[in-house]
Amino acid sequence: MWLDGVIKTAVKKDGLDATEKITEMIIKSPHYEQLRVILLNGIILADFNVVDITQLYKNTKLPVIVITNNKVDLTRIKPAVMQKPNWKKRWDAMQKAGEAYPLKLETAAQNKILIQIAGISRQDAEKIVEKTCAKNKIPEALRVANMIAKGFGKVKID
């Protein structure tokens, strides 16, 4: 889970363990008491291993803000989800994530992103995202986390 101060975990391809693994990673972090919000870059990991952001909020007691670039068309994606085992759990998690709200960032003039939230008001989530974006369209913490993940090389999916 910890590697030279970098927290990481693995989720199963098409699994149902993303919410549980993220919860465990956060709660076991030595920095847990200092955390104030969870930022995610989307809710779908490893094909269709969907993060249930409502459950993640309940498990960690931390608000969750999901950042995406594109609105997911649930009617288009549903047939693909239905091909997966336990598809209803995946589908329920996707629906519980709620509407993806557009957010036009002042810090990135031409960039619009979408946010989904759990355990936080839309207004507070927008303020957090705006304040944590430097000159990019995503919060700096997500940008850095993505760079670190790429540094590990290819992501191994079990």
C-alpha atoms as a PDB file:
ATOM      1  CA  MET A   1       0.000   0.000   0.000  1.00  0.00           C
ATOM      2  CA  TRP A   2       2.824   2.474   0.845  1.00  0.00           C
ATOM      3  CA  LEU A   3       5.911   2.789  -1.312  1.00  0.00           C
ATOM      4  CA  ASP A   4       8.444   5.435  -0.302  1.00  0.00           C
ATOM      5  CA  GLY A   5       5.699   7.711   0.997  1.00  0.00           C
ATOM      6  CA  VAL A   6       3.442   7.231  -2.039  1.00  0.00           C
ATOM      7  CA  ILE A   7       0.143   5.582  -1.338  1.00  0.00           C
ATOM      8  CA  LYS A   8      -1.119   3.158  -3.947  1.00  0.00           C
ATOM      9  CA  THR A   9      -3.395   0.204  -4.399  1.00  0.00           C
ATOM     10  CA  ALA A  10      -4.667  -2.068  -7.144  1.00  0.00           C
ATOM     11  CA  VAL A  11      -8.197  -2.801  -8.232  1.00  0.00           C
ATOM     12  CA  LYS A  12      -9.445  -5.703 -10.305  1.00  0.00           C
ATOM     13  CA  LYS A  13     -10.312  -5.234 -13.952  1.00  0.00           C
ATOM     14  CA  ASP A  14     -14.115  -5.280 -14.170  1.00  0.00           C
ATOM     15  CA  GLY A  15     -14.140  -5.864 -10.410  1.00  0.00           C
ATOM     16  CA  LEU A  16     -16.308  -4.442  -7.683  1.00  0.00           C
ATOM     17  CA  ASP A  17     -13.532  -3.492  -5.273  1.00  0.00           C
ATOM     18  CA  ALA A  18     -12.696   0.136  -6.199  1.00  0.00           C
ATOM     19  CA  THR A  19     -14.750   1.750  -3.426  1.00  0.00           C
ATOM     20  CA  GLU A  20     -13.428  -0.686  -0.809  1.00  0.00           C
ATOM     21  CA  LYS A  21      -9.786  -0.312  -1.903  1.00  0.00           C
ATOM     22  CA  ILE A  22      -9.919   3.482  -1.965  1.00  0.00           C
ATOM     23  CA  THR A  23     -11.649   3.516   1.431  1.00  0.00           C
ATOM     24  CA  GLU A  24      -8.985   1.264   2.933  1.00  0.00           C
ATOM     25  CA  MET A  25      -6.166   3.286   1.407  1.00  0.00           C
ATOM     26  CA  ILE A  26      -7.529   6.555   2.812  1.00  0.00           C
ATOM     27  CA  ILE A  27      -8.442   5.314   6.287  1.00  0.00           C
ATOM     28  CA  LYS A  28      -5.083   3.568   6.749  1.00  0.00           C
ATOM     29  CA  SER A  29      -3.148   6.614   5.600  1.00  0.00           C
ATOM     30  CA  PRO A  30      -1.032   8.187   8.352  1.00  0.00           C
ATOM     31  CA  HIS A  31      -2.408  11.505   7.043  1.00  0.00           C
ATOM     32  CA  TYR A  32      -6.085  10.549   7.375  1.00  0.00           C
ATOM     33  CA  GLU A  33      -6.766  13.030  10.196  1.00  0.00           C
ATOM     34  CA  GLN A  34      -5.411  15.856   8.035  1.00  0.00           C
ATOM     35  CA  LEU A  35      -7.539  15.057   4.980  1.00  0.00           C
ATOM     36  CA  ARG A  36     -10.495  17.307   4.218  1.00  0.00           C
ATOM     37  CA  VAL A  37     -11.745  16.134   0.810  1.00  0.00           C
ATOM     38  CA  ILE A  38     -11.296  13.290  -1.675  1.00  0.00           C
ATOM     39  CA  LEU A  39     -10.672  14.272  -5.299  1.00  0.00           C
ATOM     40  CA  LEU A  40     -11.153  11.644  -7.988  1.00  0.00           C
ATOM     41  CA  ASN A  41     -10.482  11.811 -11.697  1.00  0.00           C
ATOM     42  CA  GLY A  42     -13.659   9.981 -12.754  1.00  0.00           C
ATOM     43  CA  ILE A  43     -15.566   7.142 -11.095  1.00  0.00           C
ATOM     44  CA  ILE A  44     -14.814   4.318 -13.536  1.00  0.00           C
ATOM     45  CA  LEU A  45     -11.523   2.489 -12.989  1.00  0.00           C
ATOM     46  CA  ALA A  46     -10.101  -0.634 -14.637  1.00  0.00           C
ATOM     47  CA  ASP A  47     -12.803  -0.944 -17.289  1.00  0.00           C
ATOM     48  CA  PHE A  48     -16.003  -1.015 -15.258  1.00  0.00           C
ATOM     49  CA  ASN A  49     -14.811  -1.082 -11.648  1.00  0.00           C
ATOM     50  CA  VAL A  50     -17.054   1.778 -10.534  1.00  0.00           C
ATOM     51  CA  VAL A  51     -16.387   3.889  -7.436  1.00  0.00           C
ATOM     52  CA  ASP A  52     -19.558   4.410  -5.415  1.00  0.00           C
ATOM     53  CA  ILE A  53     -18.869   7.966  -4.280  1.00  0.00           C
ATOM     54  CA  THR A  54     -21.825   8.019  -1.912  1.00  0.00           C
ATOM     55  CA  GLN A  55     -20.489   4.931  -0.129  1.00  0.00           C
ATOM     56  CA  LEU A  56     -16.939   6.315  -0.214  1.00  0.00           C
ATOM     57  CA  TYR A  57     -18.194   9.427   1.576  1.00  0.00           C
ATOM     58  CA  LYS A  58     -20.041   7.325   4.176  1.00  0.00           C
ATOM     59  CA  ASN A  59     -17.005   5.080   4.730  1.00  0.00           C
ATOM     60  CA  THR A  60     -14.418   7.842   5.079  1.00  0.00           C
ATOM     61  CA  LYS A  61     -16.539  10.708   6.434  1.00  0.00           C
ATOM     62  CA  LEU A  62     -14.807  12.887   3.820  1.00  0.00           C
ATOM     63  CA  PRO A  63     -16.605  14.758   1.040  1.00  0.00           C
ATOM     64  CA  VAL A  64     -15.920  13.463  -2.467  1.00  0.00           C
ATOM     65  CA  ILE A  65     -15.470  15.583  -5.582  1.00  0.00           C
ATOM     66  CA  VAL A  66     -15.151  13.838  -8.932  1.00  0.00           C
ATOM     67  CA  ILE A  67     -13.607  15.707 -11.840  1.00  0.00           C
ATOM     68  CA  THR A  68     -14.348  14.679 -15.427  1.00  0.00           C
ATOM     69  CA  ASN A  69     -13.778  16.247 -18.809  1.00  0.00           C
ATOM     70  CA  ASN A  70     -16.683  14.621 -20.601  1.00  0.00           C
ATOM     71  CA  LYS A  71     -20.236  13.967 -19.577  1.00  0.00           C
ATOM     72  CA  VAL A  72     -20.969  10.254 -19.507  1.00  0.00           C
ATOM     73  CA  ASP A  73     -24.043   9.429 -21.554  1.00  0.00           C
ATOM     74  CA  LEU A  74     -25.592   6.785 -19.316  1.00  0.00           C
ATOM     75  CA  THR A  75     -28.029   5.648 -22.012  1.00  0.00           C
ATOM     76  CA  ARG A  76     -25.126   4.921 -24.375  1.00  0.00           C
ATOM     77  CA  ILE A  77     -22.989   3.236 -21.741  1.00  0.00           C
ATOM     78  CA  LYS A  78     -25.700   1.064 -20.169  1.00  0.00           C
ATOM     79  CA  PRO A  79     -25.521  -1.762 -22.772  1.00  0.00           C
ATOM     80  CA  ALA A  80     -21.779  -2.129 -22.085  1.00  0.00           C
ATOM     81  CA  VAL A  81     -22.345  -2.102 -18.324  1.00  0.00           C
ATOM     82  CA  MET A  82     -25.047  -4.760 -18.682  1.00  0.00           C
ATOM     83  CA  GLN A  83     -22.460  -7.126 -20.191  1.00  0.00           C
ATOM     84  CA  LYS A  84     -20.482  -7.154 -16.943  1.00  0.00           C
ATOM     85  CA  PRO A  85     -21.054  -9.449 -13.957  1.00  0.00           C
ATOM     86  CA  ASN A  86     -23.069  -7.796 -11.189  1.00  0.00           C
ATOM     87  CA  TRP A  87     -23.948  -5.024 -13.607  1.00  0.00           C
ATOM     88  CA  LYS A  88     -26.727  -3.653 -11.391  1.00  0.00           C
ATOM     89  CA  LYS A  89     -24.231  -2.746  -8.635  1.00  0.00           C
ATOM     90  CA  ARG A  90     -22.122  -0.875 -11.179  1.00  0.00           C
ATOM     91  CA  TRP A  91     -25.160   0.822 -12.666  1.00  0.00           C
ATOM     92  CA  ASP A  92     -26.489   1.840  -9.245  1.00  0.00           C
ATOM     93  CA  ALA A  93     -23.130   3.387  -8.310  1.00  0.00           C
ATOM     94  CA  MET A  94     -23.068   5.332 -11.579  1.00  0.00           C
ATOM     95  CA  GLN A  95     -26.574   6.646 -11.009  1.00  0.00           C
ATOM     96  CA  LYS A  96     -25.944   7.472  -7.333  1.00  0.00           C
ATOM     97  CA  ALA A  97     -23.006   9.653  -8.415  1.00  0.00           C
ATOM     98  CA  GLY A  98     -25.640  12.046  -9.688  1.00  0.00           C
ATOM     99  CA  GLU A  99     -25.556  14.734 -12.281  1.00  0.00           C
ATOM    100  CA  ALA A 100     -22.215  15.997 -13.525  1.00  0.00           C
ATOM    101  CA  TYR A 101     -22.289  19.778 -13.121  1.00  0.00           C
ATOM    102  CA  PRO A 102     -20.378  21.961 -15.564  1.00  0.00           C
ATOM    103  CA  LEU A 103     -17.814  24.256 -13.991  1.00  0.00           C
ATOM    104  CA  LYS A 104     -16.180  27.045 -15.948  1.00  0.00           C
ATOM    105  CA  LEU A 105     -12.845  27.793 -14.334  1.00  0.00           C
ATOM    106  CA  GLU A 106     -11.520  31.318 -14.110  1.00  0.00           C
ATOM    107  CA  THR A 107      -8.012  29.888 -13.740  1.00  0.00           C
ATOM    108  CA  ALA A 108      -8.165  28.122 -17.100  1.00  0.00           C
ATOM    109  CA  ALA A 109      -9.935  30.494 -19.467  1.00  0.00           C
ATOM    110  CA  GLN A 110     -11.123  28.066 -22.141  1.00  0.00           C
ATOM    111  CA  ASN A 111     -11.474  24.942 -20.047  1.00  0.00           C
ATOM    112  CA  LYS A 112     -14.732  23.626 -18.751  1.00  0.00           C
ATOM    113  CA  ILE A 113     -14.837  20.580 -16.514  1.00  0.00           C
ATOM    114  CA  LEU A 114     -17.624  18.613 -14.890  1.00  0.00           C
ATOM    115  CA  ILE A 115     -17.934  17.715 -11.230  1.00  0.00           C
ATOM    116  CA  GLN A 116     -19.934  15.129  -9.327  1.00  0.00           C
ATOM    117  CA  ILE A 117     -20.203  15.346  -5.568  1.00  0.00           C
ATOM    118  CA  ALA A 118     -21.023  13.421  -2.405  1.00  0.00           C
ATOM    119  CA  GLY A 119     -21.140  14.860   1.107  1.00  0.00           C
ATOM    120  CA  ILE A 120     -20.551  18.466   0.045  1.00  0.00           C
ATOM    121  CA  SER A 121     -22.597  21.269  -1.459  1.00  0.00           C
ATOM    122  CA  ARG A 122     -22.135  22.154  -5.098  1.00  0.00           C
ATOM    123  CA  GLN A 123     -21.100  25.677  -4.115  1.00  0.00           C
ATOM    124  CA  ASP A 124     -18.386  24.480  -1.707  1.00  0.00           C
ATOM    125  CA  ALA A 125     -17.149  21.893  -4.210  1.00  0.00           C
ATOM    126  CA  GLU A 126     -16.850  24.553  -6.898  1.00  0.00           C
ATOM    127  CA  LYS A 127     -14.854  26.791  -4.539  1.00  0.00           C
ATOM    128  CA  ILE A 128     -12.476  23.949  -3.683  1.00  0.00           C
ATOM    129  CA  VAL A 129     -11.917  23.022  -7.313  1.00  0.00           C
ATOM    130  CA  GLU A 130     -11.395  26.643  -8.324  1.00  0.00           C
ATOM    131  CA  LYS A 131      -8.885  27.273  -5.512  1.00  0.00           C
ATOM    132  CA  THR A 132      -6.916  24.066  -6.170  1.00  0.00           C
ATOM    133  CA  CYS A 133      -6.470  24.622  -9.893  1.00  0.00           C
ATOM    134  CA  ALA A 134      -3.302  26.507 -10.709  1.00  0.00           C
ATOM    135  CA  LYS A 135      -3.264  27.202 -14.436  1.00  0.00           C
ATOM    136  CA  ASN A 136      -4.698  23.855 -15.371  1.00  0.00           C
ATOM    137  CA  LYS A 137      -8.231  22.670 -15.758  1.00  0.00           C
ATOM    138  CA  ILE A 138      -7.877  20.038 -13.059  1.00  0.00           C
ATOM    139  CA  PRO A 139      -6.876  20.459  -9.422  1.00  0.00           C
ATOM    140  CA  GLU A 140      -3.144  20.413  -8.888  1.00  0.00           C
ATOM    141  CA  ALA A 141      -3.359  17.368  -6.590  1.00  0.00           C
ATOM    142  CA  LEU A 142      -4.955  15.282  -9.361  1.00  0.00           C
ATOM    143  CA  ARG A 143      -2.424  16.515 -11.925  1.00  0.00           C
ATOM    144  CA  VAL A 144       0.495  15.543  -9.670  1.00  0.00           C
ATOM    145  CA  ALA A 145      -1.089  12.199  -8.736  1.00  0.00           C
ATOM    146  CA  ASN A 146      -1.451  11.414 -12.433  1.00  0.00           C
ATOM    147  CA  MET A 147       2.226  12.226 -13.034  1.00  0.00           C
ATOM    148  CA  ILE A 148       3.257   9.967 -10.134  1.00  0.00           C
ATOM    149  CA  ALA A 149       1.064   7.144 -11.421  1.00  0.00           C
ATOM    150  CA  LYS A 150       2.644   7.430 -14.860  1.00  0.00           C
ATOM    151  CA  GLY A 151       6.044   7.210 -13.158  1.00  0.00           C
ATOM    152  CA  PHE A 152       5.168   3.713 -11.963  1.00  0.00           C
ATOM    153  CA  GLY A 153       4.956   2.656 -15.599  1.00  0.00           C
ATOM    154  CA  LYS A 154       2.162   0.539 -16.922  1.00  0.00           C
ATOM    155  CA  VAL A 155      -0.608   0.062 -14.454  1.00  0.00           C
ATOM    156  CA  LYS A 156      -1.009  -3.593 -13.596  1.00  0.00           C
ATOM    157  CA  ILE A 157      -4.620  -4.678 -13.599  1.00  0.00           C
ATOM    158  CA  ASP A 158      -5.390  -7.945 -11.849  1.00  0.00           C
END
